[in-house]
Amino acid sequence: MQTYSLVVFQPRPALFRNMTVTVQAEFRLFGTLKREGEWYIAHCPPLDITTQGRTEEEAKKNLIEASELFVVSCFERGTFEQALRELGWHVVTGGAVAKVGDGPPSVPAGSFAFPIPVPFGFESPAGCHA
């Protein structure tokens, strides 16, 4: 069973009345690459996204960009959970979760790993709600 992770980097809590915070989440995914004629085909099985390029690097770059756009657009439209469920993802309880500073996750043989950063912004209104 392969494990994919979402790593969230959280800032230290601040004690300000007006606060803007950015939290950086990161998906660690993998892709596969194969050559078909003059094209290289890159595929991300966890997100079922496929791209192409005239070189290996171009195909990888296109796959990373397409994956970033997919994840961010799902968050923006509020469909992220639904999209992952339709792709076969589910919550795993009691499983190992990657922590900040953990090494790169293992990927299937012949694959390449890549991160998908997702920045989240939070703004608290003025005043104390305690």
Protein backbone atom coordinates (compact mmCIF):
# COMPACT_ATOMS: atom_id res chain seq x y z
CA MET A 1 0.00 0.00 0.00
CA GLN A 2 1.43 3.39 -1.00
CA THR A 3 1.00 6.36 1.34
CA TYR A 4 0.73 9.93 0.10
CA SER A 5 0.88 12.77 2.53
CA LEU A 6 -0.27 16.31 3.14
CA VAL A 7 2.23 18.17 5.27
CA VAL A 8 1.08 21.39 6.91
CA PHE A 9 3.59 23.92 8.16
CA GLN A 10 1.95 26.01 10.88
CA PRO A 11 3.26 29.32 12.18
CA ARG A 12 3.58 29.94 15.89
CA PRO A 13 0.40 31.47 17.36
CA ALA A 14 0.39 35.24 17.48
CA LEU A 15 -1.39 37.40 20.00
CA PHE A 16 -2.49 40.26 17.76
CA ARG A 17 -5.94 41.72 17.35
CA ASN A 18 -5.63 41.97 13.57
CA MET A 19 -3.71 39.02 12.25
CA THR A 20 -2.92 37.73 8.79
CA VAL A 21 -1.31 34.31 8.62
CA THR A 22 -0.23 32.15 5.72
CA VAL A 23 -0.02 28.41 6.25
CA GLN A 24 1.86 26.34 3.70
CA ALA A 25 0.49 22.88 2.99
CA GLU A 26 2.32 20.51 0.68
CA PHE A 27 1.23 17.40 -1.16
CA ARG A 28 4.01 14.94 -1.91
CA LEU A 29 3.02 13.10 -5.06
CA PHE A 30 4.68 11.03 -7.76
CA GLY A 31 4.57 10.72 -11.50
CA THR A 32 5.56 8.24 -14.15
CA LEU A 33 7.20 9.00 -17.46
CA LYS A 34 7.26 7.09 -20.75
CA ARG A 35 8.15 7.88 -24.33
CA GLU A 36 5.64 7.55 -27.15
CA GLY A 37 7.10 8.44 -30.51
CA GLU A 38 8.54 11.96 -30.32
CA TRP A 39 6.66 12.78 -27.10
CA TYR A 40 7.21 12.06 -23.43
CA ILE A 41 4.03 11.28 -21.49
CA ALA A 42 3.95 12.14 -17.77
CA HIS A 43 1.20 10.74 -15.53
CA CYS A 44 0.33 11.35 -11.86
CA PRO A 45 -1.61 8.24 -10.74
CA PRO A 46 -2.82 9.70 -7.39
CA LEU A 47 -4.58 12.58 -9.22
CA ASP A 48 -5.13 10.78 -12.57
CA ILE A 49 -3.56 13.66 -14.48
CA THR A 50 -1.60 13.13 -17.71
CA THR A 51 0.48 15.62 -19.70
CA GLN A 52 3.07 15.50 -22.44
CA GLY A 53 6.22 17.28 -23.56
CA ARG A 54 8.87 17.09 -26.24
CA THR A 55 11.51 16.37 -23.55
CA GLU A 56 11.42 14.50 -20.24
CA GLU A 57 11.88 17.77 -18.35
CA GLU A 58 9.09 19.52 -20.26
CA ALA A 59 6.69 16.63 -19.59
CA LYS A 60 7.56 16.65 -15.86
CA LYS A 61 7.21 20.44 -15.68
CA ASN A 62 3.81 20.26 -17.40
CA LEU A 63 2.65 17.52 -14.99
CA ILE A 64 3.68 19.52 -11.93
CA GLU A 65 1.94 22.64 -13.26
CA ALA A 66 -1.25 20.71 -14.12
CA SER A 67 -1.26 19.06 -10.67
CA GLU A 68 -0.82 22.42 -8.91
CA LEU A 69 -3.65 23.95 -10.94
CA PHE A 70 -5.93 20.98 -10.20
CA VAL A 71 -5.35 21.08 -6.42
CA VAL A 72 -5.65 24.87 -6.11
CA SER A 73 -8.74 25.07 -8.34
CA CYS A 74 -10.46 22.32 -6.31
CA PHE A 75 -9.79 24.25 -3.10
CA GLU A 76 -11.00 27.52 -4.65
CA ARG A 77 -14.25 25.89 -5.87
CA GLY A 78 -14.84 23.95 -2.65
CA THR A 79 -14.70 20.59 -4.43
CA PHE A 80 -11.39 19.25 -3.10
CA GLU A 81 -12.82 16.57 -0.82
CA GLN A 82 -15.30 15.40 -3.46
CA ALA A 83 -12.60 15.25 -6.14
CA LEU A 84 -10.28 13.16 -3.94
CA ARG A 85 -13.08 10.78 -2.99
CA GLU A 86 -13.96 10.30 -6.68
CA LEU A 87 -10.28 9.49 -7.31
CA GLY A 88 -10.43 6.77 -4.64
CA TRP A 89 -8.83 8.62 -1.73
CA HIS A 90 -10.07 8.11 1.81
CA VAL A 91 -9.04 9.05 5.34
CA VAL A 92 -6.68 6.54 6.91
CA THR A 93 -6.91 6.38 10.67
CA GLY A 94 -3.99 5.26 12.77
CA GLY A 95 -1.63 5.42 9.83
CA ALA A 96 1.80 7.01 9.74
CA VAL A 97 1.60 10.68 8.85
CA ALA A 98 4.60 12.60 7.55
CA LYS A 99 5.93 15.29 9.85
CA VAL A 100 7.80 18.48 9.04
CA GLY A 101 11.40 17.53 8.35
CA ASP A 102 10.65 13.94 7.31
CA GLY A 103 12.54 12.80 4.28
CA PRO A 104 10.89 12.41 0.88
CA PRO A 105 8.24 9.69 0.68
CA SER A 106 9.03 6.48 -1.14
CA VAL A 107 7.71 6.27 -4.67
CA PRO A 108 7.12 3.27 -6.92
CA ALA A 109 10.15 2.07 -8.90
CA GLY A 110 10.67 4.06 -12.08
CA SER A 111 8.68 7.06 -10.76
CA PHE A 112 9.69 10.56 -9.75
CA ALA A 113 8.50 12.46 -6.69
CA PHE A 114 7.32 16.06 -6.74
CA PRO A 115 5.78 18.45 -4.20
CA ILE A 116 2.62 20.48 -4.74
CA PRO A 117 2.68 23.54 -2.45
CA VAL A 118 -0.69 24.99 -1.44
CA PRO A 119 -0.62 28.28 0.47
CA PHE A 120 -3.60 29.08 2.69
CA GLY A 121 -4.28 32.58 3.99
CA PHE A 122 -6.13 33.46 7.18
CA GLU A 123 -7.18 36.89 8.36
CA SER A 124 -8.69 37.43 11.78
CA PRO A 125 -11.01 40.39 12.28
CA ALA A 126 -10.25 43.07 14.84
CA GLY A 127 -11.28 42.41 18.39
CA CYS A 128 -10.98 39.56 20.81
CA HIS A 129 -13.43 36.68 20.59
CA ALA A 130 -12.31 34.94 23.75
